[in-house]
Amino acid sequence: VLYGSTWGGGGTVNWSASLQTQGYVRREWANRGLP
């Protein structure tokens, strides 16, 4: 289990992938009472 512990945290050691939250996940969370 890798996770950053430095200035900038995980954003300093991750790989630049910048994917937005997909619609089916957003709907799943909204259906939990979080519109």
PDB file of all heavy atoms in Angstrom:
ATOM      1  N   VAL A   1       0.858  -1.184   0.000  1.00  0.00           N
ATOM      2  CA  VAL A   1       0.000   0.000   0.000  1.00  0.00           C
ATOM      3  C   VAL A   1       0.895   1.236   0.000  1.00  0.00           C
ATOM      4  O   VAL A   1       1.555   1.539   0.995  1.00  0.00           O
ATOM      5  CB  VAL A   1      -0.953   0.004   1.210  1.00  0.00           C
ATOM      6  CG1 VAL A   1      -1.884   1.203   1.153  1.00  0.00           C
ATOM      7  CG2 VAL A   1      -1.767  -1.293   1.254  1.00  0.00           C
ATOM      8  N   LEU A   2       0.939   1.934  -1.125  1.00  0.00           N
ATOM      9  CA  LEU A   2       1.795   3.109  -1.283  1.00  0.00           C
ATOM     10  C   LEU A   2       0.986   4.380  -1.094  1.00  0.00           C
ATOM     11  O   LEU A   2      -0.072   4.548  -1.704  1.00  0.00           O
ATOM     12  CB  LEU A   2       2.423   3.123  -2.675  1.00  0.00           C
ATOM     13  CG  LEU A   2       3.614   2.196  -2.932  1.00  0.00           C
ATOM     14  CD1 LEU A   2       4.033   2.307  -4.387  1.00  0.00           C
ATOM     15  CD2 LEU A   2       4.784   2.531  -2.022  1.00  0.00           C
ATOM     16  N   TYR A   3       1.497   5.296  -0.268  1.00  0.00           N
ATOM     17  CA  TYR A   3       0.868   6.609  -0.156  1.00  0.00           C
ATOM     18  C   TYR A   3       1.912   7.631   0.265  1.00  0.00           C
ATOM     19  O   TYR A   3       2.831   7.346   1.042  1.00  0.00           O
ATOM     20  CB  TYR A   3      -0.334   6.613   0.797  1.00  0.00           C
ATOM     21  CG  TYR A   3      -0.116   6.036   2.170  1.00  0.00           C
ATOM     22  CD1 TYR A   3       0.025   6.867   3.272  1.00  0.00           C
ATOM     23  CD2 TYR A   3      -0.089   4.657   2.369  1.00  0.00           C
ATOM     24  CE1 TYR A   3       0.189   6.335   4.549  1.00  0.00           C
ATOM     25  CE2 TYR A   3       0.075   4.126   3.630  1.00  0.00           C
ATOM     26  CZ  TYR A   3       0.217   4.967   4.719  1.00  0.00           C
ATOM     27  OH  TYR A   3       0.391   4.432   5.970  1.00  0.00           O
ATOM     28  N   GLY A   4       1.780   8.824  -0.290  1.00  0.00           N
ATOM     29  CA  GLY A   4       2.786   9.858  -0.097  1.00  0.00           C
ATOM     30  C   GLY A   4       2.816  10.383   1.318  1.00  0.00           C
ATOM     31  O   GLY A   4       1.796  10.473   1.998  1.00  0.00           O
ATOM     32  N   SER A   5       4.017  10.752   1.753  1.00  0.00           N
ATOM     33  CA  SER A   5       4.208  11.424   3.038  1.00  0.00           C
ATOM     34  C   SER A   5       5.301  12.456   2.838  1.00  0.00           C
ATOM     35  O   SER A   5       6.442  12.276   3.239  1.00  0.00           O
ATOM     36  CB  SER A   5       4.585  10.414   4.124  1.00  0.00           C
ATOM     37  OG  SER A   5       4.743  11.050   5.379  1.00  0.00           O
ATOM     38  N   THR A   6       4.942  13.535   2.166  1.00  0.00           N
ATOM     39  CA  THR A   6       5.876  14.592   1.822  1.00  0.00           C
ATOM     40  C   THR A   6       5.065  15.837   1.503  1.00  0.00           C
ATOM     41  O   THR A   6       3.832  15.801   1.494  1.00  0.00           O
ATOM     42  CB  THR A   6       6.745  14.179   0.615  1.00  0.00           C
ATOM     43  OG1 THR A   6       7.737  15.174   0.364  1.00  0.00           O
ATOM     44  CG2 THR A   6       5.909  13.981  -0.639  1.00  0.00           C
ATOM     45  N   TRP A   7       5.740  16.944   1.275  1.00  0.00           N
ATOM     46  CA  TRP A   7       5.048  18.181   0.937  1.00  0.00           C
ATOM     47  C   TRP A   7       4.318  17.982  -0.398  1.00  0.00           C
ATOM     48  O   TRP A   7       4.915  17.630  -1.402  1.00  0.00           O
ATOM     49  CB  TRP A   7       6.047  19.318   0.848  1.00  0.00           C
ATOM     50  CG  TRP A   7       5.465  20.683   0.671  1.00  0.00           C
ATOM     51  CD1 TRP A   7       5.680  21.530  -0.372  1.00  0.00           C
ATOM     52  CD2 TRP A   7       4.595  21.376   1.572  1.00  0.00           C
ATOM     53  NE1 TRP A   7       4.989  22.700  -0.187  1.00  0.00           N
ATOM     54  CE2 TRP A   7       4.317  22.636   1.007  1.00  0.00           C
ATOM     55  CE3 TRP A   7       4.019  21.044   2.797  1.00  0.00           C
ATOM     56  CZ2 TRP A   7       3.485  23.567   1.627  1.00  0.00           C
ATOM     57  CZ3 TRP A   7       3.190  21.975   3.419  1.00  0.00           C
ATOM     58  CH2 TRP A   7       2.932  23.215   2.840  1.00  0.00           C
ATOM     59  N   GLY A   8       3.015  18.161  -0.387  1.00  0.00           N
ATOM     60  CA  GLY A   8       2.188  17.879  -1.562  1.00  0.00           C
ATOM     61  C   GLY A   8       1.531  16.519  -1.530  1.00  0.00           C
ATOM     62  O   GLY A   8       0.707  16.201  -2.384  1.00  0.00           O
ATOM     63  N   GLY A   9       1.899  15.684  -0.536  1.00  0.00           N
ATOM     64  CA  GLY A   9       1.261  14.387  -0.349  1.00  0.00           C
ATOM     65  C   GLY A   9       1.298  13.514  -1.586  1.00  0.00           C
ATOM     66  O   GLY A   9       2.289  13.472  -2.331  1.00  0.00           O
ATOM     67  N   GLY A  10       0.209  12.792  -1.826  1.00  0.00           N
ATOM     68  CA  GLY A  10       0.135  11.899  -2.967  1.00  0.00           C
ATOM     69  C   GLY A  10       0.277  12.615  -4.294  1.00  0.00           C
ATOM     70  O   GLY A  10       0.696  12.015  -5.289  1.00  0.00           O
ATOM     71  N   GLY A  11      -0.052  13.913  -4.333  1.00  0.00           N
ATOM     72  CA  GLY A  11       0.082  14.672  -5.568  1.00  0.00           C
ATOM     73  C   GLY A  11       1.511  14.879  -6.001  1.00  0.00           C
ATOM     74  O   GLY A  11       1.767  15.256  -7.149  1.00  0.00           O
ATOM     75  N   THR A  12       2.469  14.637  -5.104  1.00  0.00           N
ATOM     76  CA  THR A  12       3.885  14.762  -5.448  1.00  0.00           C
ATOM     77  C   THR A  12       4.420  13.488  -6.071  1.00  0.00           C
ATOM     78  O   THR A  12       5.389  13.523  -6.836  1.00  0.00           O
ATOM     79  CB  THR A  12       4.698  15.130  -4.189  1.00  0.00           C
ATOM     80  OG1 THR A  12       4.249  16.412  -3.705  1.00  0.00           O
ATOM     81  CG2 THR A  12       6.191  15.210  -4.466  1.00  0.00           C
ATOM     82  N   VAL A  13       3.813  12.336  -5.762  1.00  0.00           N
ATOM     83  CA  VAL A  13       4.367  11.052  -6.211  1.00  0.00           C
ATOM     84  C   VAL A  13       3.433  10.306  -7.163  1.00  0.00           C
ATOM     85  O   VAL A  13       3.731   9.179  -7.549  1.00  0.00           O
ATOM     86  CB  VAL A  13       4.709  10.151  -5.002  1.00  0.00           C
ATOM     87  CG1 VAL A  13       5.806  10.777  -4.170  1.00  0.00           C
ATOM     88  CG2 VAL A  13       3.473   9.880  -4.140  1.00  0.00           C
ATOM     89  N   ASN A  14       2.293  10.909  -7.545  1.00  0.00           N
ATOM     90  CA  ASN A  14       1.394  10.189  -8.456  1.00  0.00           C
ATOM     91  C   ASN A  14       1.813  10.403  -9.908  1.00  0.00           C
ATOM     92  O   ASN A  14       2.841  11.013 -10.190  1.00  0.00           O
ATOM     93  CB  ASN A  14      -0.068  10.565  -8.193  1.00  0.00           C
ATOM     94  CG  ASN A  14      -0.381  12.018  -8.534  1.00  0.00           C
ATOM     95  OD1 ASN A  14       0.432  12.754  -9.083  1.00  0.00           O
ATOM     96  ND2 ASN A  14      -1.589  12.451  -8.199  1.00  0.00           N
ATOM     97  N   TRP A  15       0.991   9.911 -10.845  1.00  0.00           N
ATOM     98  CA  TRP A  15       1.448   9.786 -12.238  1.00  0.00           C
ATOM     99  C   TRP A  15       0.744  10.710 -13.229  1.00  0.00           C
ATOM    100  O   TRP A  15       0.730  10.428 -14.419  1.00  0.00           O
ATOM    101  CB  TRP A  15       1.257   8.339 -12.708  1.00  0.00           C
ATOM    102  CG  TRP A  15       1.972   7.321 -11.894  1.00  0.00           C
ATOM    103  CD1 TRP A  15       2.997   7.517 -11.015  1.00  0.00           C
ATOM    104  CD2 TRP A  15       1.712   5.915 -11.876  1.00  0.00           C
ATOM    105  NE1 TRP A  15       3.388   6.333 -10.445  1.00  0.00           N
ATOM    106  CE2 TRP A  15       2.613   5.327 -10.959  1.00  0.00           C
ATOM    107  CE3 TRP A  15       0.816   5.098 -12.556  1.00  0.00           C
ATOM    108  CZ2 TRP A  15       2.639   3.963 -10.698  1.00  0.00           C
ATOM    109  CZ3 TRP A  15       0.840   3.745 -12.296  1.00  0.00           C
ATOM    110  CH2 TRP A  15       1.747   3.185 -11.383  1.00  0.00           C
ATOM    111  N   SER A  16       0.122  11.774 -12.780  1.00  0.00           N
ATOM    112  CA  SER A  16      -0.494  12.786 -13.654  1.00  0.00           C
ATOM    113  C   SER A  16      -1.873  12.419 -14.178  1.00  0.00           C
ATOM    114  O   SER A  16      -2.524  13.245 -14.829  1.00  0.00           O
ATOM    115  CB  SER A  16       0.395  13.125 -14.863  1.00  0.00           C
ATOM    116  OG  SER A  16       1.605  13.710 -14.451  1.00  0.00           O
ATOM    117  N   ALA A  17      -2.354  11.194 -13.947  1.00  0.00           N
ATOM    118  CA  ALA A  17      -3.672  10.806 -14.448  1.00  0.00           C
ATOM    119  C   ALA A  17      -4.753  11.679 -13.814  1.00  0.00           C
ATOM    120  O   ALA A  17      -4.844  11.773 -12.594  1.00  0.00           O
ATOM    121  CB  ALA A  17      -3.941   9.335 -14.157  1.00  0.00           C
ATOM    122  N   SER A  18      -5.567  12.307 -14.641  1.00  0.00           N
ATOM    123  CA  SER A  18      -6.548  13.294 -14.161  1.00  0.00           C
ATOM    124  C   SER A  18      -7.926  13.010 -14.739  1.00  0.00           C
ATOM    125  O   SER A  18      -8.448  13.755 -15.573  1.00  0.00           O
ATOM    126  CB  SER A  18      -6.079  14.706 -14.540  1.00  0.00           C
ATOM    127  OG  SER A  18      -4.814  14.992 -13.988  1.00  0.00           O
ATOM    128  N   LEU A  19      -8.509  11.921 -14.293  1.00  0.00           N
ATOM    129  CA  LEU A  19      -9.826  11.493 -14.753  1.00  0.00           C
ATOM    130  C   LEU A  19     -10.916  12.039 -13.830  1.00  0.00           C
ATOM    131  O   LEU A  19     -10.822  11.936 -12.601  1.00  0.00           O
ATOM    132  CB  LEU A  19      -9.894   9.965 -14.776  1.00  0.00           C
ATOM    133  CG  LEU A  19      -9.017   9.289 -15.838  1.00  0.00           C
ATOM    134  CD1 LEU A  19      -8.769   7.835 -15.484  1.00  0.00           C
ATOM    135  CD2 LEU A  19      -9.666   9.400 -17.214  1.00  0.00           C
ATOM    136  N   GLN A  20     -11.949  12.608 -14.417  1.00  0.00           N
ATOM    137  CA  GLN A  20     -13.068  13.107 -13.617  1.00  0.00           C
ATOM    138  C   GLN A  20     -13.985  11.957 -13.198  1.00  0.00           C
ATOM    139  O   GLN A  20     -14.002  10.892 -13.810  1.00  0.00           O
ATOM    140  CB  GLN A  20     -13.863  14.141 -14.413  1.00  0.00           C
ATOM    141  CG  GLN A  20     -13.087  15.425 -14.676  1.00  0.00           C
ATOM    142  CD  GLN A  20     -13.989  16.588 -15.054  1.00  0.00           C
ATOM    143  OE1 GLN A  20     -15.227  16.505 -14.970  1.00  0.00           O
ATOM    144  NE2 GLN A  20     -13.389  17.692 -15.457  1.00  0.00           N
ATOM    145  N   THR A  21     -14.734  12.204 -12.140  1.00  0.00           N
ATOM    146  CA  THR A  21     -15.673  11.210 -11.625  1.00  0.00           C
ATOM    147  C   THR A  21     -16.710  10.872 -12.684  1.00  0.00           C
ATOM    148  O   THR A  21     -17.331  11.762 -13.262  1.00  0.00           O
ATOM    149  CB  THR A  21     -16.399  11.756 -10.380  1.00  0.00           C
ATOM    150  OG1 THR A  21     -15.525  12.605  -9.639  1.00  0.00           O
ATOM    151  CG2 THR A  21     -16.892  10.618  -9.513  1.00  0.00           C
ATOM    152  N   GLN A  22     -16.910   9.578 -12.917  1.00  0.00           N
ATOM    153  CA  GLN A  22     -17.828   9.172 -13.971  1.00  0.00           C
ATOM    154  C   GLN A  22     -19.283   9.242 -13.524  1.00  0.00           C
ATOM    155  O   GLN A  22     -19.597   9.180 -12.327  1.00  0.00           O
ATOM    156  CB  GLN A  22     -17.475   7.766 -14.444  1.00  0.00           C
ATOM    157  CG  GLN A  22     -16.138   7.739 -15.180  1.00  0.00           C
ATOM    158  CD  GLN A  22     -15.746   6.346 -15.601  1.00  0.00           C
ATOM    159  OE1 GLN A  22     -15.031   5.665 -14.891  1.00  0.00           O
ATOM    160  NE2 GLN A  22     -16.219   5.913 -16.751  1.00  0.00           N
ATOM    161  N   GLY A  23     -20.157   9.325 -14.508  1.00  0.00           N
ATOM    162  CA  GLY A  23     -21.572   9.523 -14.228  1.00  0.00           C
ATOM    163  C   GLY A  23     -22.184   8.438 -13.370  1.00  0.00           C
ATOM    164  O   GLY A  23     -22.971   8.719 -12.460  1.00  0.00           O
ATOM    165  N   TYR A  24     -21.824   7.172 -13.617  1.00  0.00           N
ATOM    166  CA  TYR A  24     -22.462   6.095 -12.845  1.00  0.00           C
ATOM    167  C   TYR A  24     -22.041   6.134 -11.382  1.00  0.00           C
ATOM    168  O   TYR A  24     -22.812   5.747 -10.499  1.00  0.00           O
ATOM    169  CB  TYR A  24     -22.196   4.729 -13.476  1.00  0.00           C
ATOM    170  CG  TYR A  24     -20.780   4.223 -13.450  1.00  0.00           C
ATOM    171  CD1 TYR A  24     -20.292   3.503 -12.368  1.00  0.00           C
ATOM    172  CD2 TYR A  24     -19.926   4.441 -14.526  1.00  0.00           C
ATOM    173  CE1 TYR A  24     -18.993   3.024 -12.347  1.00  0.00           C
ATOM    174  CE2 TYR A  24     -18.626   3.969 -14.508  1.00  0.00           C
ATOM    175  CZ  TYR A  24     -18.159   3.263 -13.420  1.00  0.00           C
ATOM    176  OH  TYR A  24     -16.876   2.794 -13.396  1.00  0.00           O
ATOM    177  N   VAL A  25     -20.815   6.598 -11.106  1.00  0.00           N
ATOM    178  CA  VAL A  25     -20.381   6.751  -9.716  1.00  0.00           C
ATOM    179  C   VAL A  25     -21.086   7.934  -9.078  1.00  0.00           C
ATOM    180  O   VAL A  25     -21.542   7.859  -7.924  1.00  0.00           O
ATOM    181  CB  VAL A  25     -18.853   6.925  -9.641  1.00  0.00           C
ATOM    182  CG1 VAL A  25     -18.406   7.185  -8.201  1.00  0.00           C
ATOM    183  CG2 VAL A  25     -18.147   5.693 -10.193  1.00  0.00           C
ATOM    184  N   ARG A  26     -21.207   9.024  -9.803  1.00  0.00           N
ATOM    185  CA  ARG A  26     -21.902  10.201  -9.273  1.00  0.00           C
ATOM    186  C   ARG A  26     -23.358   9.865  -8.949  1.00  0.00           C
ATOM    187  O   ARG A  26     -23.900  10.298  -7.920  1.00  0.00           O
ATOM    188  CB  ARG A  26     -21.808  11.354 -10.277  1.00  0.00           C
ATOM    189  CG  ARG A  26     -20.392  11.882 -10.443  1.00  0.00           C
ATOM    190  CD  ARG A  26     -20.253  12.879 -11.571  1.00  0.00           C
ATOM    191  NE  ARG A  26     -21.058  14.083 -11.354  1.00  0.00           N
ATOM    192  CZ  ARG A  26     -20.963  15.188 -12.093  1.00  0.00           C
ATOM    193  NH1 ARG A  26     -20.097  15.227 -13.102  1.00  0.00           N
ATOM    194  NH2 ARG A  26     -21.721  16.229 -11.841  1.00  0.00           N
ATOM    195  N   ARG A  27     -23.997   9.080  -9.821  1.00  0.00           N
ATOM    196  CA  ARG A  27     -25.392   8.685  -9.547  1.00  0.00           C
ATOM    197  C   ARG A  27     -25.477   7.762  -8.340  1.00  0.00           C
ATOM    198  O   ARG A  27     -26.417   7.861  -7.528  1.00  0.00           O
ATOM    199  CB  ARG A  27     -25.990   8.019 -10.793  1.00  0.00           C
ATOM    200  CG  ARG A  27     -26.209   8.981 -11.957  1.00  0.00           C
ATOM    201  CD  ARG A  27     -26.994   8.331 -13.087  1.00  0.00           C
ATOM    202  NE  ARG A  27     -26.246   7.253 -13.732  1.00  0.00           N
ATOM    203  CZ  ARG A  27     -25.386   7.441 -14.733  1.00  0.00           C
ATOM    204  NH1 ARG A  27     -25.138   8.659 -15.185  1.00  0.00           N
ATOM    205  NH2 ARG A  27     -24.770   6.410 -15.295  1.00  0.00           N
ATOM    206  N   GLU A  28     -24.512   6.863  -8.218  1.00  0.00           N
ATOM    207  CA  GLU A  28     -24.490   5.973  -7.051  1.00  0.00           C
ATOM    208  C   GLU A  28     -24.424   6.784  -5.760  1.00  0.00           C
ATOM    209  O   GLU A  28     -25.163   6.524  -4.798  1.00  0.00           O
ATOM    210  CB  GLU A  28     -23.282   5.039  -7.134  1.00  0.00           C
ATOM    211  CG  GLU A  28     -23.078   4.160  -5.900  1.00  0.00           C
ATOM    212  CD  GLU A  28     -21.701   3.522  -5.845  1.00  0.00           C
ATOM    213  OE1 GLU A  28     -21.052   3.385  -6.912  1.00  0.00           O
ATOM    214  OE2 GLU A  28     -21.257   3.167  -4.723  1.00  0.00           O
ATOM    215  N   TRP A  29     -23.551   7.786  -5.732  1.00  0.00           N
ATOM    216  CA  TRP A  29     -23.401   8.599  -4.528  1.00  0.00           C
ATOM    217  C   TRP A  29     -24.631   9.479  -4.288  1.00  0.00           C
ATOM    218  O   TRP A  29     -25.057   9.663  -3.144  1.00  0.00           O
ATOM    219  CB  TRP A  29     -22.137   9.448  -4.631  1.00  0.00           C
ATOM    220  CG  TRP A  29     -20.873   8.621  -4.616  1.00  0.00           C
ATOM    221  CD1 TRP A  29     -20.781   7.267  -4.435  1.00  0.00           C
ATOM    222  CD2 TRP A  29     -19.539   9.087  -4.788  1.00  0.00           C
ATOM    223  NE1 TRP A  29     -19.471   6.868  -4.491  1.00  0.00           N
ATOM    224  CE2 TRP A  29     -18.678   7.952  -4.705  1.00  0.00           C
ATOM    225  CE3 TRP A  29     -18.968  10.329  -5.019  1.00  0.00           C
ATOM    226  CZ2 TRP A  29     -17.290   8.052  -4.829  1.00  0.00           C
ATOM    227  CZ3 TRP A  29     -17.581  10.440  -5.144  1.00  0.00           C
ATOM    228  CH2 TRP A  29     -16.759   9.312  -5.050  1.00  0.00           C
ATOM    229  N   ALA A  30     -25.196   9.996  -5.365  1.00  0.00           N
ATOM    230  CA  ALA A  30     -26.401  10.813  -5.212  1.00  0.00           C
ATOM    231  C   ALA A  30     -27.557   9.984  -4.661  1.00  0.00           C
ATOM    232  O   ALA A  30     -28.367  10.469  -3.853  1.00  0.00           O
ATOM    233  CB  ALA A  30     -26.782  11.432  -6.552  1.00  0.00           C
ATOM    234  N   ASN A  31     -27.632   8.721  -5.072  1.00  0.00           N
ATOM    235  CA  ASN A  31     -28.697   7.843  -4.591  1.00  0.00           C
ATOM    236  C   ASN A  31     -28.550   7.495  -3.117  1.00  0.00           C
ATOM    237  O   ASN A  31     -29.467   6.921  -2.522  1.00  0.00           O
ATOM    238  CB  ASN A  31     -28.736   6.560  -5.421  1.00  0.00           C
ATOM    239  CG  ASN A  31     -29.243   6.807  -6.834  1.00  0.00           C
ATOM    240  OD1 ASN A  31     -29.946   7.786  -7.087  1.00  0.00           O
ATOM    241  ND2 ASN A  31     -28.887   5.925  -7.761  1.00  0.00           N
ATOM    242  N   ARG A  32     -27.404   7.819  -2.541  1.00  0.00           N
ATOM    243  CA  ARG A  32     -27.216   7.622  -1.095  1.00  0.00           C
ATOM    244  C   ARG A  32     -27.664   8.849  -0.306  1.00  0.00           C
ATOM    245  O   ARG A  32     -27.311   8.985   0.857  1.00  0.00           O
ATOM    246  CB  ARG A  32     -25.754   7.313  -0.798  1.00  0.00           C
ATOM    247  CG  ARG A  32     -25.269   6.004  -1.412  1.00  0.00           C
ATOM    248  CD  ARG A  32     -23.799   5.773  -1.110  1.00  0.00           C
ATOM    249  NE  ARG A  32     -23.318   4.532  -1.713  1.00  0.00           N
ATOM    250  CZ  ARG A  32     -22.553   3.643  -1.108  1.00  0.00           C
ATOM    251  NH1 ARG A  32     -22.191   3.831   0.151  1.00  0.00           N
ATOM    252  NH2 ARG A  32     -22.144   2.560  -1.738  1.00  0.00           N
ATOM    253  N   GLY A  33     -28.394   9.743  -0.941  1.00  0.00           N
ATOM    254  CA  GLY A  33     -28.876  10.940  -0.272  1.00  0.00           C
ATOM    255  C   GLY A  33     -27.949  12.125  -0.395  1.00  0.00           C
ATOM    256  O   GLY A  33     -28.063  13.089   0.373  1.00  0.00           O
ATOM    257  N   LEU A  34     -27.052  12.092  -1.389  1.00  0.00           N
ATOM    258  CA  LEU A  34     -26.076  13.167  -1.571  1.00  0.00           C
ATOM    259  C   LEU A  34     -26.233  13.748  -2.975  1.00  0.00           C
ATOM    260  O   LEU A  34     -25.401  13.523  -3.868  1.00  0.00           O
ATOM    261  CB  LEU A  34     -24.657  12.622  -1.370  1.00  0.00           C
ATOM    262  CG  LEU A  34     -24.378  11.987   0.008  1.00  0.00           C
ATOM    263  CD1 LEU A  34     -23.065  11.220   0.001  1.00  0.00           C
ATOM    264  CD2 LEU A  34     -24.375  13.051   1.100  1.00  0.00           C
ATOM    265  N   PRO A  35     -27.297  14.503  -3.218  1.00  0.00           N
ATOM    266  CA  PRO A  35     -27.595  14.998  -4.571  1.00  0.00           C
ATOM    267  C   PRO A  35     -26.535  15.935  -5.131  1.00  0.00           C
ATOM    268  O   PRO A  35     -26.498  16.168  -6.345  1.00  0.00           O
ATOM    269  CB  PRO A  35     -28.941  15.710  -4.401  1.00  0.00           C
ATOM    270  CG  PRO A  35     -29.011  16.066  -2.946  1.00  0.00           C
ATOM    271  CD  PRO A  35     -28.309  14.950  -2.234  1.00  0.00           C
TER     272      PRO A  35
END
